[in-house]
Amino acid sequence: MSEPQPPEIGPRVRALRTQRGLSMRALAELCDLSPNAISLIERGITSPNVSTLHRLATALQVHIATFFEPPQESAELVLSRASDRPASSHEQTLLESLGAGLTKQLMDPFEVTLQPGAGSGRHVMSHNGQELVYCLQGELEYTVQGESYLLGAGDTLLFEAHLPHSWRNPGPSPTRFLIVFGACEDGSSLAQHLQS
């Protein structure tokens, strides 16, 4: 089995930024990042963590899956082989897309692997829609609106994603979990609501 291929996030960020007529400085201000950080991401020198990917998606008004899969036309079925899964790693976190590209996709599934002590980043996340977390292995601490929930293998957490949240691996061994970003109550996709 071959290693997961990293997506080319940098060029996609640059293309989206250019399409929207934003300078690096303007995008940096929208994301609360430095222009240097945007430059490093666009050139592929650094890989953004999950929190930064959310902020970039929000600022660029795209779905977070846009960074992992090239857009497909009129797809009604998407097969993602484990050996060809688009993945992004940042420090001690591996984020793998489990499928993207349906014409009117209403969910974004990812598998996340965290090394001990790793987490979602220093900023809490908040977006519209819903979020489902399913712990596959190890321990996962999910903090939602200031309250911590410790998940073990087989445990799930489902919540409204507008509530500020973050996650980390508090245990001594790697943690693997599924995270699914879901549709908003009105039936619209998360992509349309990452602008808040």
Protein backbone atom coordinates (compact mmCIF):
# COMPACT_ATOMS: atom_id res chain seq x y z
CA MET A 1 0.00 0.00 0.00
CA SER A 2 1.41 3.38 -0.98
CA GLU A 3 1.59 6.41 1.30
CA PRO A 4 -1.30 8.92 1.12
CA GLN A 5 -0.56 11.69 -1.32
CA PRO A 6 -0.47 15.15 0.22
CA PRO A 7 -2.80 17.62 -1.46
CA GLU A 8 -1.27 20.70 -2.98
CA ILE A 9 -2.92 23.10 -0.54
CA GLY A 10 -0.56 26.01 -1.24
CA PRO A 11 -1.33 26.36 -4.96
CA ARG A 12 -5.06 25.96 -4.24
CA VAL A 13 -4.94 28.73 -1.64
CA ARG A 14 -3.06 30.98 -4.10
CA ALA A 15 -5.54 30.24 -6.92
CA LEU A 16 -8.57 30.90 -4.72
CA ARG A 17 -7.01 34.07 -3.31
CA THR A 18 -6.27 35.32 -6.83
CA GLN A 19 -9.78 34.44 -8.07
CA ARG A 20 -11.23 36.58 -5.30
CA GLY A 21 -8.88 39.47 -6.00
CA LEU A 22 -7.28 39.34 -2.56
CA SER A 23 -3.71 40.30 -1.81
CA MET A 24 -1.71 38.14 0.61
CA ARG A 25 -2.05 40.90 3.18
CA ALA A 26 -5.86 41.06 2.74
CA LEU A 27 -6.21 37.28 3.10
CA ALA A 28 -3.90 37.33 6.12
CA GLU A 29 -6.11 39.94 7.81
CA LEU A 30 -9.25 37.91 7.12
CA CYS A 31 -7.59 34.81 8.65
CA ASP A 32 -5.82 36.56 11.53
CA LEU A 33 -2.48 35.29 10.16
CA SER A 34 0.63 37.13 9.06
CA PRO A 35 1.26 37.75 5.34
CA ASN A 36 4.45 35.71 5.81
CA ALA A 37 2.37 32.73 7.03
CA ILE A 38 0.17 32.98 3.92
CA SER A 39 3.27 33.13 1.73
CA LEU A 40 4.78 30.04 3.40
CA ILE A 41 1.51 28.10 2.96
CA GLU A 42 1.12 29.14 -0.69
CA ARG A 43 4.69 28.09 -1.47
CA GLY A 44 4.19 24.74 0.24
CA ILE A 45 6.88 25.42 2.83
CA THR A 46 4.47 24.96 5.75
CA SER A 47 1.32 22.88 6.02
CA PRO A 48 -1.62 24.54 7.83
CA ASN A 49 -3.19 22.90 10.88
CA VAL A 50 -6.92 22.19 11.01
CA SER A 51 -7.77 25.47 12.69
CA THR A 52 -5.86 27.40 10.01
CA LEU A 53 -7.58 25.39 7.25
CA HIS A 54 -10.95 26.40 8.73
CA ARG A 55 -9.93 30.06 8.83
CA LEU A 56 -8.64 29.91 5.22
CA ALA A 57 -11.85 28.21 4.06
CA THR A 58 -13.94 30.84 5.81
CA ALA A 59 -11.95 33.74 4.36
CA LEU A 60 -11.93 32.25 0.86
CA GLN A 61 -15.62 31.30 1.11
CA VAL A 62 -15.05 27.66 0.20
CA HIS A 63 -15.70 24.28 1.68
CA ILE A 64 -12.73 22.88 3.66
CA ALA A 65 -12.72 19.83 1.34
CA THR A 66 -11.73 22.17 -1.51
CA PHE A 67 -8.16 21.96 -0.23
CA PHE A 68 -8.12 18.16 -0.53
CA GLU A 69 -9.89 17.26 -3.77
CA PRO A 70 -9.95 18.87 -7.19
CA PRO A 71 -13.50 19.88 -8.13
CA GLN A 72 -15.42 17.24 -10.06
CA GLU A 73 -18.38 17.82 -12.33
CA SER A 74 -21.74 16.17 -11.65
CA ALA A 75 -20.36 13.36 -9.47
CA GLU A 76 -23.01 11.12 -7.93
CA LEU A 77 -20.54 8.60 -6.51
CA VAL A 78 -17.01 9.02 -5.20
CA LEU A 79 -14.75 6.07 -4.33
CA SER A 80 -11.79 6.88 -2.11
CA ARG A 81 -9.18 4.11 -1.89
CA ALA A 82 -7.17 4.01 1.34
CA SER A 83 -3.95 4.03 -0.69
CA ASP A 84 -4.91 7.18 -2.64
CA ARG A 85 -6.52 9.24 0.09
CA PRO A 86 -5.62 12.95 -0.01
CA ALA A 87 -3.94 13.82 3.27
CA SER A 88 -2.34 16.78 4.97
CA SER A 89 -0.02 16.61 7.94
CA HIS A 90 0.94 19.37 10.32
CA GLU A 91 3.42 18.71 13.09
CA GLN A 92 1.90 15.68 14.86
CA THR A 93 -1.48 15.66 13.14
CA LEU A 94 -2.53 13.75 10.01
CA LEU A 95 -5.82 14.78 8.35
CA GLU A 96 -7.15 12.48 5.60
CA SER A 97 -10.15 13.23 3.41
CA LEU A 98 -12.54 10.25 3.26
CA GLY A 99 -14.43 11.58 0.27
CA ALA A 100 -15.26 14.77 -1.56
CA GLY A 101 -16.62 15.76 -4.93
CA LEU A 102 -20.34 14.99 -4.94
CA THR A 103 -22.36 17.53 -6.87
CA LYS A 104 -24.39 18.67 -3.85
CA GLN A 105 -22.29 17.27 -1.04
CA LEU A 106 -23.82 17.85 2.41
CA MET A 107 -21.07 16.36 4.57
CA ASP A 108 -17.29 16.30 4.75
CA PRO A 109 -15.80 13.18 6.32
CA PHE A 110 -12.18 13.11 7.56
CA GLU A 111 -10.00 10.69 9.51
CA VAL A 112 -7.65 12.40 11.94
CA THR A 113 -4.61 10.84 13.58
CA LEU A 114 -3.09 12.69 16.54
CA GLN A 115 0.19 11.93 18.23
CA PRO A 116 0.25 12.31 22.05
CA GLY A 117 -0.24 15.96 23.02
CA ALA A 118 -1.25 17.06 19.49
CA GLY A 119 -4.47 18.97 18.87
CA SER A 120 -6.47 21.23 16.58
CA GLY A 121 -4.29 24.30 17.14
CA ARG A 122 -4.27 27.28 19.45
CA HIS A 123 -7.47 28.84 18.08
CA VAL A 124 -10.91 27.41 18.79
CA MET A 125 -13.06 26.65 15.77
CA SER A 126 -16.61 27.74 15.15
CA HIS A 127 -18.70 27.34 12.00
CA ASN A 128 -22.31 26.70 11.05
CA GLY A 129 -23.66 23.22 10.51
CA GLN A 130 -23.16 20.19 12.68
CA GLU A 131 -20.17 18.08 13.63
CA LEU A 132 -19.97 14.37 14.40
CA VAL A 133 -16.90 12.89 16.09
CA TYR A 134 -16.32 9.14 16.39
CA CYS A 135 -13.25 7.97 18.33
CA LEU A 136 -11.65 4.94 16.68
CA GLN A 137 -8.56 4.47 18.84
CA GLY A 138 -6.94 6.03 21.90
CA GLU A 139 -8.28 8.95 23.91
CA LEU A 140 -9.66 12.19 22.52
CA GLU A 141 -10.46 15.30 24.55
CA TYR A 142 -13.03 17.47 22.79
CA THR A 143 -13.79 20.86 24.31
CA VAL A 144 -17.09 22.38 23.27
CA GLN A 145 -18.12 25.80 24.59
CA GLY A 146 -15.62 25.50 27.42
CA GLU A 147 -16.71 22.04 28.60
CA SER A 148 -14.38 19.06 28.05
CA TYR A 149 -15.50 15.59 26.96
CA LEU A 150 -13.09 12.66 27.10
CA LEU A 151 -13.82 10.12 24.36
CA GLY A 152 -12.49 6.58 24.14
CA ALA A 153 -12.70 4.06 21.30
CA GLY A 154 -16.33 3.73 20.19
CA ASP A 155 -17.52 6.98 21.82
CA THR A 156 -19.24 9.66 19.74
CA LEU A 157 -19.96 13.35 20.12
CA LEU A 158 -22.51 15.23 18.01
CA PHE A 159 -22.98 18.98 18.36
CA GLU A 160 -23.94 22.21 16.66
CA ALA A 161 -20.66 23.46 15.21
CA HIS A 162 -21.34 27.15 15.91
CA LEU A 163 -20.33 26.33 19.49
CA PRO A 164 -16.62 27.14 19.95
CA HIS A 165 -14.67 23.89 19.96
CA SER A 166 -11.20 22.34 19.87
CA TRP A 167 -9.65 18.91 20.36
CA ARG A 168 -6.46 17.21 21.50
CA ASN A 169 -4.94 13.85 22.35
CA PRO A 170 -4.34 13.78 26.12
CA GLY A 171 -3.17 10.16 26.14
CA PRO A 172 0.24 8.47 25.84
CA SER A 173 -0.47 6.80 22.47
CA PRO A 174 -1.76 7.94 19.04
CA THR A 175 -5.45 8.72 18.69
CA ARG A 176 -7.51 8.13 15.55
CA PHE A 177 -10.99 9.53 15.04
CA LEU A 178 -13.53 10.30 12.35
CA ILE A 179 -14.89 13.80 12.05
CA VAL A 180 -17.84 14.61 9.81
CA PHE A 181 -18.86 18.19 9.09
CA GLY A 182 -22.58 18.13 8.26
CA ALA A 183 -25.27 20.19 6.64
CA CYS A 184 -26.93 23.13 8.30
CA GLU A 185 -30.48 22.98 9.66
CA ASP A 186 -31.86 24.68 6.56
CA GLY A 187 -30.40 21.94 4.34
CA SER A 188 -27.65 24.07 2.86
CA SER A 189 -24.11 22.79 2.83
CA LEU A 190 -21.32 23.73 5.20
CA ALA A 191 -19.52 25.28 2.23
CA GLN A 192 -22.08 28.08 2.12
CA HIS A 193 -21.67 28.78 5.83
CA LEU A 194 -17.92 28.83 6.38
CA GLN A 195 -18.14 32.58 5.93
CA SER A 196 -19.28 33.41 9.47
